[in-house]
Amino acid sequence: MEQLADRSLLLVLDNCEHVIDAAAALAETLLTHCPRLRILATSREPLGVPGETVRPSNPSRPTPPTASSSNAPAPCAPPST
């Protein structure tokens, strides 16, 4: 952690609700030792760490296919040799 202590960093933790206690413990430990670290965590519940700001968002919805589009992925061109 000493290598990170004086650096400005952003750490992204995704789907924390699956490991909420471990994610909260990690976040609190890192934030205690790395004052310039910022953490962006996605979760269905707050981590509960000091200084946390919760910003609720609406669930994303898939874009419905249109008549001119297909659900199949676009083909990839073979690599040129």
Protein backbone atom coordinates (compact mmCIF):
# COMPACT_ATOMS: atom_id res chain seq x y z
CA MET A 1 0.00 0.00 0.00
CA GLU A 2 2.93 2.34 0.52
CA GLN A 3 3.37 2.57 -3.27
CA LEU A 4 -0.20 3.84 -3.65
CA ALA A 5 -0.41 6.12 -0.62
CA ASP A 6 0.61 9.35 -2.38
CA ARG A 7 -0.97 8.72 -5.80
CA SER A 8 -4.29 9.98 -7.12
CA LEU A 9 -6.15 6.86 -8.22
CA LEU A 10 -9.64 5.67 -9.08
CA LEU A 11 -10.56 2.10 -8.18
CA VAL A 12 -13.74 0.63 -9.67
CA LEU A 13 -15.45 -2.16 -7.74
CA ASP A 14 -18.35 -3.69 -9.68
CA ASN A 15 -21.25 -5.84 -8.39
CA CYS A 16 -20.29 -5.39 -4.76
CA GLU A 17 -23.62 -6.74 -3.53
CA HIS A 18 -22.27 -10.26 -4.09
CA VAL A 19 -19.38 -9.67 -1.65
CA ILE A 20 -20.62 -6.63 0.28
CA ASP A 21 -18.75 -7.26 3.55
CA ALA A 22 -15.42 -7.98 1.85
CA ALA A 23 -15.82 -5.01 -0.52
CA ALA A 24 -16.62 -2.69 2.39
CA ALA A 25 -13.62 -3.93 4.39
CA LEU A 26 -11.30 -3.53 1.40
CA ALA A 27 -12.61 -0.05 0.61
CA GLU A 28 -12.27 1.15 4.19
CA THR A 29 -8.73 -0.24 4.54
CA LEU A 30 -7.58 1.28 1.26
CA LEU A 31 -9.18 4.66 1.93
CA THR A 32 -7.59 4.78 5.39
CA HIS A 33 -4.12 4.23 3.96
CA CYS A 34 -4.45 6.03 0.60
CA PRO A 35 -6.01 9.48 1.13
CA ARG A 36 -5.92 10.40 -2.59
CA LEU A 37 -7.71 7.22 -3.65
CA ARG A 38 -11.31 7.46 -4.89
CA ILE A 39 -13.51 4.39 -5.20
CA LEU A 40 -16.46 3.99 -7.54
CA ALA A 41 -18.48 0.98 -6.39
CA THR A 42 -21.55 -0.43 -8.04
CA SER A 43 -23.89 -2.30 -5.73
CA ARG A 44 -27.55 -2.78 -4.95
CA GLU A 45 -26.80 -1.78 -1.37
CA PRO A 46 -24.41 0.76 0.17
CA LEU A 47 -21.01 -0.33 1.44
CA GLY A 48 -21.46 1.65 4.65
CA VAL A 49 -17.93 3.09 4.75
CA PRO A 50 -17.15 6.55 6.16
CA GLY A 51 -17.45 9.29 3.53
CA GLU A 52 -19.60 7.19 1.20
CA THR A 53 -21.97 9.02 -1.15
CA VAL A 54 -24.81 6.95 -2.60
CA ARG A 55 -26.12 7.87 -6.02
CA PRO A 56 -29.10 5.72 -7.02
CA SER A 57 -29.62 5.01 -10.70
CA ASN A 58 -32.37 3.43 -12.72
CA PRO A 59 -31.76 -0.05 -14.07
CA SER A 60 -30.64 -0.07 -17.67
CA ARG A 61 -32.99 -1.58 -20.20
CA PRO A 62 -31.88 -3.33 -23.35
CA THR A 63 -32.58 -1.49 -26.58
CA PRO A 64 -35.23 -3.38 -28.52
CA PRO A 65 -34.14 -4.53 -31.99
CA THR A 66 -35.51 -2.58 -34.94
CA ALA A 67 -36.65 -3.94 -38.30
CA SER A 68 -33.33 -2.97 -39.85
CA SER A 69 -31.18 -4.50 -37.12
CA SER A 70 -30.34 -8.03 -36.17
CA ASN A 71 -29.62 -9.62 -32.82
CA ALA A 72 -26.61 -11.35 -34.34
CA PRO A 73 -23.22 -9.72 -33.84
CA ALA A 74 -21.62 -8.04 -36.81
CA PRO A 75 -19.12 -10.25 -38.64
CA CYS A 76 -15.44 -9.54 -38.10
CA ALA A 77 -13.04 -9.13 -40.99
CA PRO A 78 -10.21 -11.64 -41.03
CA PRO A 79 -6.85 -10.19 -40.04
CA SER A 80 -4.76 -8.97 -42.94
CA THR A 81 -1.50 -10.80 -43.49
